[in-house]
Amino acid sequence: MDQPYDVYEERCPTRMVLDRLADKWAVLILDRLDAGPVRFNHLRRDISGISQKVLSQTLKKLERDGLVSRAAFATVPVTVEYALTPLGQTLTETVSALAHWAERNMAAVLAAQRAYDAAPRG
């Protein structure tokens, strides 16, 4: 069966999804949610450097895309938990592989950058 979408076509909506998934915050959020539901403030503490605003915006986008679900509990103050949806769970291996590839290969990337920067350009 032919797929109705082509990521190489300029107007294909898959590009919006790729843009979202290529975002470092989205990758980190999705990878963190792989272990199970997490409260908003716990996510904010776990993902160093993310602002409350960016975390909120990214979670809303991931929820809109059907990758993350939001559950609010009637406590004082209200407790909000985020979890991967079944669709989001289909990304866990890919997201984890990407995030942890960066950890494993950072020394090689930094060495390549230093070599590139030191090479004469003509």
PDB file of N, CA and C in Angstrom:
ATOM      1  N   MET A   1       0.840  -1.193   0.000  1.00  0.00           N
ATOM      2  CA  MET A   1       0.000   0.000   0.000  1.00  0.00           C
ATOM      3  C   MET A   1       0.878   1.246   0.000  1.00  0.00           C
ATOM      4  N   ASP A   2       0.562   2.182  -0.880  1.00  0.00           N
ATOM      5  CA  ASP A   2       1.311   3.430  -0.933  1.00  0.00           C
ATOM      6  C   ASP A   2       0.950   4.310   0.247  1.00  0.00           C
ATOM      7  N   GLN A   3       1.956   4.985   0.792  1.00  0.00           N
ATOM      8  CA  GLN A   3       1.708   5.930   1.872  1.00  0.00           C
ATOM      9  C   GLN A   3       1.259   7.254   1.258  1.00  0.00           C
ATOM     10  N   PRO A   4       0.227   7.873   1.837  1.00  0.00           N
ATOM     11  CA  PRO A   4      -0.285   9.112   1.261  1.00  0.00           C
ATOM     12  C   PRO A   4       0.579  10.335   1.561  1.00  0.00           C
ATOM     13  N   TYR A   5       1.634  10.158   2.350  1.00  0.00           N
ATOM     14  CA  TYR A   5       2.476  11.288   2.719  1.00  0.00           C
ATOM     15  C   TYR A   5       3.893  11.074   2.221  1.00  0.00           C
ATOM     16  N   ASP A   6       4.557  12.172   1.879  1.00  0.00           N
ATOM     17  CA  ASP A   6       5.921  12.127   1.383  1.00  0.00           C
ATOM     18  C   ASP A   6       6.721  13.229   2.078  1.00  0.00           C
ATOM     19  N   VAL A   7       7.603  12.851   2.991  1.00  0.00           N
ATOM     20  CA  VAL A   7       8.365  13.834   3.775  1.00  0.00           C
ATOM     21  C   VAL A   7       9.238  14.734   2.916  1.00  0.00           C
ATOM     22  N   TYR A   8       9.496  14.328   1.689  1.00  0.00           N
ATOM     23  CA  TYR A   8      10.338  15.146   0.824  1.00  0.00           C
ATOM     24  C   TYR A   8       9.551  16.214   0.069  1.00  0.00           C
ATOM     25  N   GLU A   9       8.235  16.184   0.172  1.00  0.00           N
ATOM     26  CA  GLU A   9       7.390  17.196  -0.456  1.00  0.00           C
ATOM     27  C   GLU A   9       7.248  18.392   0.487  1.00  0.00           C
ATOM     28  N   GLU A  10       7.415  19.577  -0.062  1.00  0.00           N
ATOM     29  CA  GLU A  10       7.431  20.811   0.743  1.00  0.00           C
ATOM     30  C   GLU A  10       6.188  21.005   1.605  1.00  0.00           C
ATOM     31  N   ARG A  11       5.037  20.700   1.084  1.00  0.00           N
ATOM     32  CA  ARG A  11       3.791  20.958   1.802  1.00  0.00           C
ATOM     33  C   ARG A  11       3.279  19.760   2.614  1.00  0.00           C
ATOM     34  N   CYS A  12       4.056  18.730   2.718  1.00  0.00           N
ATOM     35  CA  CYS A  12       3.612  17.534   3.433  1.00  0.00           C
ATOM     36  C   CYS A  12       3.534  17.815   4.944  1.00  0.00           C
ATOM     37  N   PRO A  13       2.414  17.471   5.575  1.00  0.00           N
ATOM     38  CA  PRO A  13       2.267  17.733   7.010  1.00  0.00           C
ATOM     39  C   PRO A  13       3.232  16.929   7.888  1.00  0.00           C
ATOM     40  N   THR A  14       3.869  15.914   7.319  1.00  0.00           N
ATOM     41  CA  THR A  14       4.844  15.158   8.106  1.00  0.00           C
ATOM     42  C   THR A  14       6.013  16.044   8.533  1.00  0.00           C
ATOM     43  N   ARG A  15       6.271  17.100   7.789  1.00  0.00           N
ATOM     44  CA  ARG A  15       7.375  17.991   8.141  1.00  0.00           C
ATOM     45  C   ARG A  15       7.135  18.682   9.472  1.00  0.00           C
ATOM     46  N   MET A  16       5.881  19.000   9.778  1.00  0.00           N
ATOM     47  CA  MET A  16       5.553  19.597  11.066  1.00  0.00           C
ATOM     48  C   MET A  16       5.870  18.612  12.188  1.00  0.00           C
ATOM     49  N   VAL A  17       5.544  17.346  11.977  1.00  0.00           N
ATOM     50  CA  VAL A  17       5.823  16.327  12.985  1.00  0.00           C
ATOM     51  C   VAL A  17       7.330  16.145  13.141  1.00  0.00           C
ATOM     52  N   LEU A  18       8.058  16.108  12.039  1.00  0.00           N
ATOM     53  CA  LEU A  18       9.512  15.979  12.109  1.00  0.00           C
ATOM     54  C   LEU A  18      10.134  17.171  12.826  1.00  0.00           C
ATOM     55  N   ASP A  19       9.613  18.348  12.553  1.00  0.00           N
ATOM     56  CA  ASP A  19      10.100  19.548  13.229  1.00  0.00           C
ATOM     57  C   ASP A  19       9.887  19.429  14.735  1.00  0.00           C
ATOM     58  N   ARG A  20       8.744  18.963  15.130  1.00  0.00           N
ATOM     59  CA  ARG A  20       8.439  18.793  16.559  1.00  0.00           C
ATOM     60  C   ARG A  20       9.372  17.762  17.186  1.00  0.00           C
ATOM     61  N   LEU A  21       9.550  16.632  16.508  1.00  0.00           N
ATOM     62  CA  LEU A  21      10.366  15.555  17.070  1.00  0.00           C
ATOM     63  C   LEU A  21      11.853  15.867  17.029  1.00  0.00           C
ATOM     64  N   ALA A  22      12.272  16.802  16.191  1.00  0.00           N
ATOM     65  CA  ALA A  22      13.675  17.190  16.129  1.00  0.00           C
ATOM     66  C   ALA A  22      14.029  18.211  17.208  1.00  0.00           C
ATOM     67  N   ASP A  23      13.052  18.683  17.943  1.00  0.00           N
ATOM     68  CA  ASP A  23      13.264  19.649  19.008  1.00  0.00           C
ATOM     69  C   ASP A  23      13.886  18.953  20.215  1.00  0.00           C
ATOM     70  N   LYS A  24      14.963  19.513  20.749  1.00  0.00           N
ATOM     71  CA  LYS A  24      15.651  18.862  21.867  1.00  0.00           C
ATOM     72  C   LYS A  24      14.749  18.697  23.079  1.00  0.00           C
ATOM     73  N   TRP A  25      13.882  19.674  23.345  1.00  0.00           N
ATOM     74  CA  TRP A  25      13.010  19.579  24.522  1.00  0.00           C
ATOM     75  C   TRP A  25      11.994  18.456  24.338  1.00  0.00           C
ATOM     76  N   ALA A  26      11.462  18.316  23.133  1.00  0.00           N
ATOM     77  CA  ALA A  26      10.495  17.244  22.874  1.00  0.00           C
ATOM     78  C   ALA A  26      11.159  15.886  23.064  1.00  0.00           C
ATOM     79  N   VAL A  27      12.375  15.729  22.557  1.00  0.00           N
ATOM     80  CA  VAL A  27      13.097  14.460  22.708  1.00  0.00           C
ATOM     81  C   VAL A  27      13.302  14.140  24.185  1.00  0.00           C
ATOM     82  N   LEU A  28      13.735  15.136  24.953  1.00  0.00           N
ATOM     83  CA  LEU A  28      13.997  14.907  26.373  1.00  0.00           C
ATOM     84  C   LEU A  28      12.716  14.599  27.147  1.00  0.00           C
ATOM     85  N   ILE A  29      11.640  15.295  26.829  1.00  0.00           N
ATOM     86  CA  ILE A  29      10.356  15.045  27.494  1.00  0.00           C
ATOM     87  C   ILE A  29       9.863  13.641  27.173  1.00  0.00           C
ATOM     88  N   LEU A  30       9.854  13.290  25.899  1.00  0.00           N
ATOM     89  CA  LEU A  30       9.376  11.965  25.500  1.00  0.00           C
ATOM     90  C   LEU A  30      10.225  10.861  26.124  1.00  0.00           C
ATOM     91  N   ASP A  31      11.524  11.063  26.162  1.00  0.00           N
ATOM     92  CA  ASP A  31      12.395  10.047  26.760  1.00  0.00           C
ATOM     93  C   ASP A  31      12.136   9.923  28.260  1.00  0.00           C
ATOM     94  N   ARG A  32      11.916  11.037  28.918  1.00  0.00           N
ATOM     95  CA  ARG A  32      11.662  11.012  30.360  1.00  0.00           C
ATOM     96  C   ARG A  32      10.327  10.339  30.675  1.00  0.00           C
ATOM     97  N   LEU A  33       9.337  10.525  29.820  1.00  0.00           N
ATOM     98  CA  LEU A  33       8.014   9.932  30.052  1.00  0.00           C
ATOM     99  C   LEU A  33       7.983   8.435  29.766  1.00  0.00           C
ATOM    100  N   ASP A  34       9.034   7.907  29.185  1.00  0.00           N
ATOM    101  CA  ASP A  34       9.086   6.477  28.884  1.00  0.00           C
ATOM    102  C   ASP A  34       8.967   5.623  30.147  1.00  0.00           C
ATOM    103  N   ALA A  35       9.420   6.138  31.271  1.00  0.00           N
ATOM    104  CA  ALA A  35       9.386   5.376  32.523  1.00  0.00           C
ATOM    105  C   ALA A  35       8.002   5.369  33.171  1.00  0.00           C
ATOM    106  N   GLY A  36       7.079   6.185  32.642  1.00  0.00           N
ATOM    107  CA  GLY A  36       5.737   6.243  33.218  1.00  0.00           C
ATOM    108  C   GLY A  36       5.308   7.674  33.452  1.00  0.00           C
ATOM    109  N   PRO A  37       4.071   7.865  33.929  1.00  0.00           N
ATOM    110  CA  PRO A  37       3.534   9.213  34.142  1.00  0.00           C
ATOM    111  C   PRO A  37       4.407  10.043  35.092  1.00  0.00           C
ATOM    112  N   VAL A  38       4.509  11.330  34.777  1.00  0.00           N
ATOM    113  CA  VAL A  38       5.342  12.239  35.563  1.00  0.00           C
ATOM    114  C   VAL A  38       4.591  13.555  35.751  1.00  0.00           C
ATOM    115  N   ARG A  39       4.699  14.122  36.944  1.00  0.00           N
ATOM    116  CA  ARG A  39       4.092  15.418  37.230  1.00  0.00           C
ATOM    117  C   ARG A  39       4.896  16.530  36.564  1.00  0.00           C
ATOM    118  N   PHE A  40       4.194  17.618  36.278  1.00  0.00           N
ATOM    119  CA  PHE A  40       4.795  18.765  35.588  1.00  0.00           C
ATOM    120  C   PHE A  40       6.069  19.235  36.293  1.00  0.00           C
ATOM    121  N   ASN A  41       5.981  19.497  37.588  1.00  0.00           N
ATOM    122  CA  ASN A  41       7.146  20.025  38.311  1.00  0.00           C
ATOM    123  C   ASN A  41       8.294  19.026  38.375  1.00  0.00           C
ATOM    124  N   HIS A  42       7.982  17.752  38.376  1.00  0.00           N
ATOM    125  CA  HIS A  42       9.023  16.733  38.352  1.00  0.00           C
ATOM    126  C   HIS A  42       9.757  16.783  37.010  1.00  0.00           C
ATOM    127  N   LEU A  43       9.004  16.943  35.923  1.00  0.00           N
ATOM    128  CA  LEU A  43       9.628  17.089  34.605  1.00  0.00           C
ATOM    129  C   LEU A  43      10.544  18.307  34.592  1.00  0.00           C
ATOM    130  N   ARG A  44      10.049  19.401  35.145  1.00  0.00           N
ATOM    131  CA  ARG A  44      10.837  20.636  35.143  1.00  0.00           C
ATOM    132  C   ARG A  44      12.142  20.460  35.918  1.00  0.00           C
ATOM    133  N   ARG A  45      12.091  19.735  37.021  1.00  0.00           N
ATOM    134  CA  ARG A  45      13.306  19.483  37.802  1.00  0.00           C
ATOM    135  C   ARG A  45      14.244  18.506  37.081  1.00  0.00           C
ATOM    136  N   ASP A  46      13.674  17.501  36.437  1.00  0.00           N
ATOM    137  CA  ASP A  46      14.484  16.474  35.764  1.00  0.00           C
ATOM    138  C   ASP A  46      15.200  16.980  34.515  1.00  0.00           C
ATOM    139  N   ILE A  47      14.593  17.922  33.810  1.00  0.00           N
ATOM    140  CA  ILE A  47      15.152  18.404  32.548  1.00  0.00           C
ATOM    141  C   ILE A  47      15.803  19.755  32.802  1.00  0.00           C
ATOM    142  N   SER A  48      17.039  19.714  33.180  1.00  0.00           N
ATOM    143  CA  SER A  48      17.789  20.908  33.547  1.00  0.00           C
ATOM    144  C   SER A  48      17.832  21.902  32.385  1.00  0.00           C
ATOM    145  N   GLY A  49      17.544  23.154  32.698  1.00  0.00           N
ATOM    146  CA  GLY A  49      17.644  24.209  31.697  1.00  0.00           C
ATOM    147  C   GLY A  49      16.350  24.548  30.985  1.00  0.00           C
ATOM    148  N   ILE A  50      15.316  23.736  31.138  1.00  0.00           N
ATOM    149  CA  ILE A  50      14.046  24.042  30.478  1.00  0.00           C
ATOM    150  C   ILE A  50      13.259  25.003  31.361  1.00  0.00           C
ATOM    151  N   SER A  51      12.700  26.016  30.752  1.00  0.00           N
ATOM    152  CA  SER A  51      11.886  26.969  31.513  1.00  0.00           C
ATOM    153  C   SER A  51      10.469  26.417  31.656  1.00  0.00           C
ATOM    154  N   GLN A  52       9.759  26.947  32.614  1.00  0.00           N
ATOM    155  CA  GLN A  52       8.371  26.525  32.822  1.00  0.00           C
ATOM    156  C   GLN A  52       7.545  26.793  31.571  1.00  0.00           C
ATOM    157  N   LYS A  53       7.780  27.946  30.947  1.00  0.00           N
ATOM    158  CA  LYS A  53       7.039  28.325  29.744  1.00  0.00           C
ATOM    159  C   LYS A  53       7.306  27.360  28.587  1.00  0.00           C
ATOM    160  N   VAL A  54       8.569  27.048  28.345  1.00  0.00           N
ATOM    161  CA  VAL A  54       8.921  26.148  27.239  1.00  0.00           C
ATOM    162  C   VAL A  54       8.407  24.739  27.508  1.00  0.00           C
ATOM    163  N   LEU A  55       8.512  24.281  28.754  1.00  0.00           N
ATOM    164  CA  LEU A  55       7.989  22.965  29.100  1.00  0.00           C
ATOM    165  C   LEU A  55       6.488  22.912  28.840  1.00  0.00           C
ATOM    166  N   SER A  56       5.774  23.929  29.287  1.00  0.00           N
ATOM    167  CA  SER A  56       4.325  23.980  29.089  1.00  0.00           C
ATOM    168  C   SER A  56       3.969  24.000  27.598  1.00  0.00           C
ATOM    169  N   GLN A  57       4.654  24.835  26.834  1.00  0.00           N
ATOM    170  CA  GLN A  57       4.387  24.930  25.390  1.00  0.00           C
ATOM    171  C   GLN A  57       4.680  23.610  24.679  1.00  0.00           C
ATOM    172  N   THR A  58       5.789  22.984  25.022  1.00  0.00           N
ATOM    173  CA  THR A  58       6.173  21.727  24.368  1.00  0.00           C
ATOM    174  C   THR A  58       5.200  20.617  24.719  1.00  0.00           C
ATOM    175  N   LEU A  59       4.800  20.541  25.984  1.00  0.00           N
ATOM    176  CA  LEU A  59       3.820  19.528  26.387  1.00  0.00           C
ATOM    177  C   LEU A  59       2.500  19.717  25.649  1.00  0.00           C
ATOM    178  N   LYS A  60       2.057  20.955  25.496  1.00  0.00           N
ATOM    179  CA  LYS A  60       0.807  21.224  24.774  1.00  0.00           C
ATOM    180  C   LYS A  60       0.911  20.773  23.318  1.00  0.00           C
ATOM    181  N   LYS A  61       2.040  21.043  22.687  1.00  0.00           N
ATOM    182  CA  LYS A  61       2.231  20.627  21.293  1.00  0.00           C
ATOM    183  C   LYS A  61       2.246  19.105  21.179  1.00  0.00           C
ATOM    184  N   LEU A  62       2.940  18.447  22.108  1.00  0.00           N
ATOM    185  CA  LEU A  62       2.995  16.985  22.083  1.00  0.00           C
ATOM    186  C   LEU A  62       1.623  16.381  22.377  1.00  0.00           C
ATOM    187  N   GLU A  63       0.862  17.039  23.234  1.00  0.00           N
ATOM    188  CA  GLU A  63      -0.504  16.577  23.519  1.00  0.00           C
ATOM    189  C   GLU A  63      -1.381  16.758  22.280  1.00  0.00           C
ATOM    190  N   ARG A  64      -1.256  17.890  21.621  1.00  0.00           N
ATOM    191  CA  ARG A  64      -2.033  18.148  20.398  1.00  0.00           C
ATOM    192  C   ARG A  64      -1.716  17.122  19.313  1.00  0.00           C
ATOM    193  N   ASP A  65      -0.466  16.704  19.245  1.00  0.00           N
ATOM    194  CA  ASP A  65      -0.050  15.714  18.250  1.00  0.00           C
ATOM    195  C   ASP A  65      -0.440  14.291  18.631  1.00  0.00           C
ATOM    196  N   GLY A  66      -1.002  14.118  19.823  1.00  0.00           N
ATOM    197  CA  GLY A  66      -1.447  12.795  20.252  1.00  0.00           C
ATOM    198  C   GLY A  66      -0.346  11.926  20.828  1.00  0.00           C
ATOM    199  N   LEU A  67       0.783  12.540  21.193  1.00  0.00           N
ATOM    200  CA  LEU A  67       1.914  11.776  21.707  1.00  0.00           C
ATOM    201  C   LEU A  67       1.950  11.711  23.231  1.00  0.00           C
ATOM    202  N   VAL A  68       1.333  12.699  23.867  1.00  0.00           N
ATOM    203  CA  VAL A  68       1.338  12.818  25.326  1.00  0.00           C
ATOM    204  C   VAL A  68      -0.083  13.063  25.800  1.00  0.00           C
ATOM    205  N   SER A  69      -0.428  12.469  26.931  1.00  0.00           N
ATOM    206  CA  SER A  69      -1.731  12.745  27.546  1.00  0.00           C
ATOM    207  C   SER A  69      -1.515  13.523  28.831  1.00  0.00           C
ATOM    208  N   ARG A  70      -2.526  14.303  29.192  1.00  0.00           N
ATOM    209  CA  ARG A  70      -2.485  15.145  30.396  1.00  0.00           C
ATOM    210  C   ARG A  70      -3.637  14.730  31.288  1.00  0.00           C
ATOM    211  N   ALA A  71      -3.335  14.501  32.562  1.00  0.00           N
ATOM    212  CA  ALA A  71      -4.380  14.157  33.529  1.00  0.00           C
ATOM    213  C   ALA A  71      -4.270  15.117  34.711  1.00  0.00           C
ATOM    214  N   ALA A  72      -5.383  15.756  35.035  1.00  0.00           N
ATOM    215  CA  ALA A  72      -5.428  16.677  36.177  1.00  0.00           C
ATOM    216  C   ALA A  72      -6.210  16.014  37.305  1.00  0.00           C
ATOM    217  N   PHE A  73      -5.684  16.139  38.511  1.00  0.00           N
ATOM    218  CA  PHE A  73      -6.316  15.543  39.688  1.00  0.00           C
ATOM    219  C   PHE A  73      -6.763  16.649  40.635  1.00  0.00           C
ATOM    220  N   ALA A  74      -7.963  16.480  41.185  1.00  0.00           N
ATOM    221  CA  ALA A  74      -8.570  17.500  42.046  1.00  0.00           C
ATOM    222  C   ALA A  74      -7.934  17.496  43.429  1.00  0.00           C
ATOM    223  N   THR A  75      -6.745  18.053  43.487  1.00  0.00           N
ATOM    224  CA  THR A  75      -6.058  18.226  44.763  1.00  0.00           C
ATOM    225  C   THR A  75      -5.843  19.716  44.965  1.00  0.00           C
ATOM    226  N   VAL A  76      -5.346  20.093  46.111  1.00  0.00           N
ATOM    227  CA  VAL A  76      -5.038  21.505  46.358  1.00  0.00           C
ATOM    228  C   VAL A  76      -3.546  21.607  46.648  1.00  0.00           C
ATOM    229  N   PRO A  77      -2.759  22.223  45.752  1.00  0.00           N
ATOM    230  CA  PRO A  77      -3.163  22.683  44.425  1.00  0.00           C
ATOM    231  C   PRO A  77      -3.391  21.495  43.481  1.00  0.00           C
ATOM    232  N   VAL A  78      -3.938  21.803  42.312  1.00  0.00           N
ATOM    233  CA  VAL A  78      -4.235  20.757  41.320  1.00  0.00           C
ATOM    234  C   VAL A  78      -2.946  20.047  40.932  1.00  0.00           C
ATOM    235  N   THR A  79      -3.006  18.735  40.866  1.00  0.00           N
ATOM    236  CA  THR A  79      -1.872  17.925  40.424  1.00  0.00           C
ATOM    237  C   THR A  79      -2.083  17.568  38.958  1.00  0.00           C
ATOM    238  N   VAL A  80      -1.066  17.797  38.142  1.00  0.00           N
ATOM    239  CA  VAL A  80      -1.145  17.480  36.719  1.00  0.00           C
ATOM    240  C   VAL A  80      -0.043  16.486  36.391  1.00  0.00           C
ATOM    241  N   GLU A  81      -0.437  15.415  35.717  1.00  0.00           N
ATOM    242  CA  GLU A  81       0.495  14.364  35.324  1.00  0.00           C
ATOM    243  C   GLU A  81       0.470  14.200  33.813  1.00  0.00           C
ATOM    244  N   TYR A  82       1.630  13.915  33.258  1.00  0.00           N
ATOM    245  CA  TYR A  82       1.755  13.676  31.823  1.00  0.00           C
ATOM    246  C   TYR A  82       2.259  12.261  31.595  1.00  0.00           C
ATOM    247  N   ALA A  83       1.776  11.648  30.523  1.00  0.00           N
ATOM    248  CA  ALA A  83       2.178  10.283  30.184  1.00  0.00           C
ATOM    249  C   ALA A  83       2.204  10.145  28.666  1.00  0.00           C
ATOM    250  N   LEU A  84       2.931   9.144  28.206  1.00  0.00           N
ATOM    251  CA  LEU A  84       2.920   8.835  26.780  1.00  0.00           C
ATOM    252  C   LEU A  84       1.598   8.172  26.417  1.00  0.00           C
ATOM    253  N   THR A  85       1.066   8.521  25.281  1.00  0.00           N
ATOM    254  CA  THR A  85      -0.100   7.832  24.736  1.00  0.00           C
ATOM    255  C   THR A  85       0.407   6.582  24.021  1.00  0.00           C
ATOM    256  N   PRO A  86      -0.493   5.700  23.591  1.00  0.00           N
ATOM    257  CA  PRO A  86      -0.029   4.555  22.786  1.00  0.00           C
ATOM    258  C   PRO A  86       0.759   5.003  21.544  1.00  0.00           C
ATOM    259  N   LEU A  87       0.335   6.095  20.914  1.00  0.00           N
ATOM    260  CA  LEU A  87       1.080   6.607  19.761  1.00  0.00           C
ATOM    261  C   LEU A  87       2.457   7.096  20.196  1.00  0.00           C
ATOM    262  N   GLY A  88       2.525   7.810  21.303  1.00  0.00           N
ATOM    263  CA  GLY A  88       3.804   8.278  21.828  1.00  0.00           C
ATOM    264  C   GLY A  88       4.731   7.127  22.181  1.00  0.00           C
ATOM    265  N   GLN A  89       4.157   6.038  22.659  1.00  0.00           N
ATOM    266  CA  GLN A  89       4.969   4.879  23.027  1.00  0.00           C
ATOM    267  C   GLN A  89       5.647   4.243  21.816  1.00  0.00           C
ATOM    268  N   THR A  90       5.091   4.466  20.623  1.00  0.00           N
ATOM    269  CA  THR A  90       5.734   3.923  19.424  1.00  0.00           C
ATOM    270  C   THR A  90       7.060   4.629  19.128  1.00  0.00           C
ATOM    271  N   LEU A  91       7.301   5.762  19.777  1.00  0.00           N
ATOM    272  CA  LEU A  91       8.532   6.523  19.557  1.00  0.00           C
ATOM    273  C   LEU A  91       9.616   6.250  20.593  1.00  0.00           C
ATOM    274  N   THR A  92       9.323   5.496  21.637  1.00  0.00           N
ATOM    275  CA  THR A  92      10.257   5.397  22.758  1.00  0.00           C
ATOM    276  C   THR A  92      11.631   4.864  22.349  1.00  0.00           C
ATOM    277  N   GLU A  93      11.683   3.842  21.544  1.00  0.00           N
ATOM    278  CA  GLU A  93      12.985   3.304  21.135  1.00  0.00           C
ATOM    279  C   GLU A  93      13.759   4.316  20.302  1.00  0.00           C
ATOM    280  N   THR A  94      13.070   4.975  19.385  1.00  0.00           N
ATOM    281  CA  THR A  94      13.715   5.955  18.510  1.00  0.00           C
ATOM    282  C   THR A  94      14.227   7.146  19.298  1.00  0.00           C
ATOM    283  N   VAL A  95      13.389   7.685  20.162  1.00  0.00           N
ATOM    284  CA  VAL A  95      13.760   8.862  20.954  1.00  0.00           C
ATOM    285  C   VAL A  95      14.917   8.524  21.897  1.00  0.00           C
ATOM    286  N   SER A  96      14.825   7.395  22.551  1.00  0.00           N
ATOM    287  CA  SER A  96      15.889   6.981  23.468  1.00  0.00           C
ATOM    288  C   SER A  96      17.196   6.778  22.718  1.00  0.00           C
ATOM    289  N   ALA A  97      17.122   6.136  21.562  1.00  0.00           N
ATOM    290  CA  ALA A  97      18.328   5.899  20.762  1.00  0.00           C
ATOM    291  C   ALA A  97      18.972   7.224  20.370  1.00  0.00           C
ATOM    292  N   LEU A  98      18.186   8.196  19.970  1.00  0.00           N
ATOM    293  CA  LEU A  98      18.707   9.498  19.565  1.00  0.00           C
ATOM    294  C   LEU A  98      19.335  10.230  20.753  1.00  0.00           C
ATOM    295  N   ALA A  99      18.615  10.302  21.860  1.00  0.00           N
ATOM    296  CA  ALA A  99      19.115  11.017  23.036  1.00  0.00           C
ATOM    297  C   ALA A  99      20.409  10.391  23.552  1.00  0.00           C
ATOM    298  N   HIS A 100      20.438   9.092  23.640  1.00  0.00           N
ATOM    299  CA  HIS A 100      21.597   8.436  24.221  1.00  0.00           C
ATOM    300  C   HIS A 100      22.735   8.260  23.214  1.00  0.00           C
ATOM    301  N   TRP A 101      22.420   8.321  21.906  1.00  0.00           N
ATOM    302  CA  TRP A 101      23.477   8.374  20.893  1.00  0.00           C
ATOM    303  C   TRP A 101      24.314   9.623  21.135  1.00  0.00           C
ATOM    304  N   ALA A 102      23.649  10.745  21.400  1.00  0.00           N
ATOM    305  CA  ALA A 102      24.362  12.004  21.644  1.00  0.00           C
ATOM    306  C   ALA A 102      25.298  11.873  22.846  1.00  0.00           C
ATOM    307  N   GLU A 103      24.839  11.232  23.902  1.00  0.00           N
ATOM    308  CA  GLU A 103      25.690  11.034  25.080  1.00  0.00           C
ATOM    309  C   GLU A 103      26.915  10.187  24.741  1.00  0.00           C
ATOM    310  N   ARG A 104      26.683   9.090  24.036  1.00  0.00           N
ATOM    311  CA  ARG A 104      27.774   8.153  23.726  1.00  0.00           C
ATOM    312  C   ARG A 104      28.786   8.720  22.737  1.00  0.00           C
ATOM    313  N   ASN A 105      28.350   9.608  21.872  1.00  0.00           N
ATOM    314  CA  ASN A 105      29.211  10.075  20.783  1.00  0.00           C
ATOM    315  C   ASN A 105      29.640  11.530  20.889  1.00  0.00           C
ATOM    316  N   MET A 106      29.363  12.178  22.001  1.00  0.00           N
ATOM    317  CA  MET A 106      29.666  13.601  22.138  1.00  0.00           C
ATOM    318  C   MET A 106      31.155  13.885  22.009  1.00  0.00           C
ATOM    319  N   ALA A 107      32.013  13.053  22.594  1.00  0.00           N
ATOM    320  CA  ALA A 107      33.458  13.284  22.495  1.00  0.00           C
ATOM    321  C   ALA A 107      33.909  13.277  21.031  1.00  0.00           C
ATOM    322  N   ALA A 108      33.385  12.360  20.238  1.00  0.00           N
ATOM    323  CA  ALA A 108      33.747  12.297  18.817  1.00  0.00           C
ATOM    324  C   ALA A 108      33.226  13.514  18.055  1.00  0.00           C
ATOM    325  N   VAL A 109      32.029  13.960  18.382  1.00  0.00           N
ATOM    326  CA  VAL A 109      31.463  15.147  17.735  1.00  0.00           C
ATOM    327  C   VAL A 109      32.307  16.379  18.064  1.00  0.00           C
ATOM    328  N   LEU A 110      32.660  16.535  19.342  1.00  0.00           N
ATOM    329  CA  LEU A 110      33.486  17.688  19.743  1.00  0.00           C
ATOM    330  C   LEU A 110      34.854  17.655  19.061  1.00  0.00           C
ATOM    331  N   ALA A 111      35.450  16.466  18.950  1.00  0.00           N
ATOM    332  CA  ALA A 111      36.735  16.335  18.260  1.00  0.00           C
ATOM    333  C   ALA A 111      36.596  16.712  16.784  1.00  0.00           C
ATOM    334  N   ALA A 112      35.533  16.279  16.143  1.00  0.00           N
ATOM    335  CA  ALA A 112      35.295  16.620  14.731  1.00  0.00           C
ATOM    336  C   ALA A 112      35.103  18.126  14.566  1.00  0.00           C
ATOM    337  N   GLN A 113      34.391  18.757  15.488  1.00  0.00           N
ATOM    338  CA  GLN A 113      34.189  20.208  15.423  1.00  0.00           C
ATOM    339  C   GLN A 113      35.516  20.954  15.566  1.00  0.00           C
ATOM    340  N   ARG A 114      36.351  20.503  16.513  1.00  0.00           N
ATOM    341  CA  ARG A 114      37.658  21.163  16.695  1.00  0.00           C
ATOM    342  C   ARG A 114      38.513  21.011  15.437  1.00  0.00           C
ATOM    343  N   ALA A 115      38.505  19.816  14.845  1.00  0.00           N
ATOM    344  CA  ALA A 115      39.295  19.586  13.627  1.00  0.00           C
ATOM    345  C   ALA A 115      38.774  20.454  12.481  1.00  0.00           C
ATOM    346  N   TYR A 116      37.474  20.542  12.355  1.00  0.00           N
ATOM    347  CA  TYR A 116      36.879  21.358  11.283  1.00  0.00           C
ATOM    348  C   TYR A 116      37.233  22.821  11.470  1.00  0.00           C
ATOM    349  N   ASP A 117      37.099  23.300  12.717  1.00  0.00           N
ATOM    350  CA  ASP A 117      37.380  24.710  13.003  1.00  0.00           C
ATOM    351  C   ASP A 117      38.855  25.059  12.806  1.00  0.00           C
ATOM    352  N   ALA A 118      39.739  24.101  13.026  1.00  0.00           N
ATOM    353  CA  ALA A 118      41.174  24.346  12.898  1.00  0.00           C
ATOM    354  C   ALA A 118      41.666  24.241  11.453  1.00  0.00           C
ATOM    355  N   ALA A 119      40.908  23.615  10.589  1.00  0.00           N
ATOM    356  CA  ALA A 119      41.330  23.414   9.194  1.00  0.00           C
ATOM    357  C   ALA A 119      41.217  24.705   8.413  1.00  0.00           C
ATOM    358  N   PRO A 120      42.210  24.943   7.538  1.00  0.00           N
ATOM    359  CA  PRO A 120      42.136  26.152   6.702  1.00  0.00           C
ATOM    360  C   PRO A 120      40.992  26.050   5.699  1.00  0.00           C
ATOM    361  N   ARG A 121      40.315  27.127   5.476  1.00  0.00           N
ATOM    362  CA  ARG A 121      39.187  27.181   4.519  1.00  0.00           C
ATOM    363  C   ARG A 121      39.588  28.084   3.376  1.00  0.00           C
ATOM    364  N   GLY A 122      39.228  27.668   2.178  1.00  0.00           N
ATOM    365  CA  GLY A 122      39.620  28.452   1.015  1.00  0.00           C
ATOM    366  C   GLY A 122      38.508  28.916   0.189  1.00  0.00           C
TER     367      GLY A 122
END
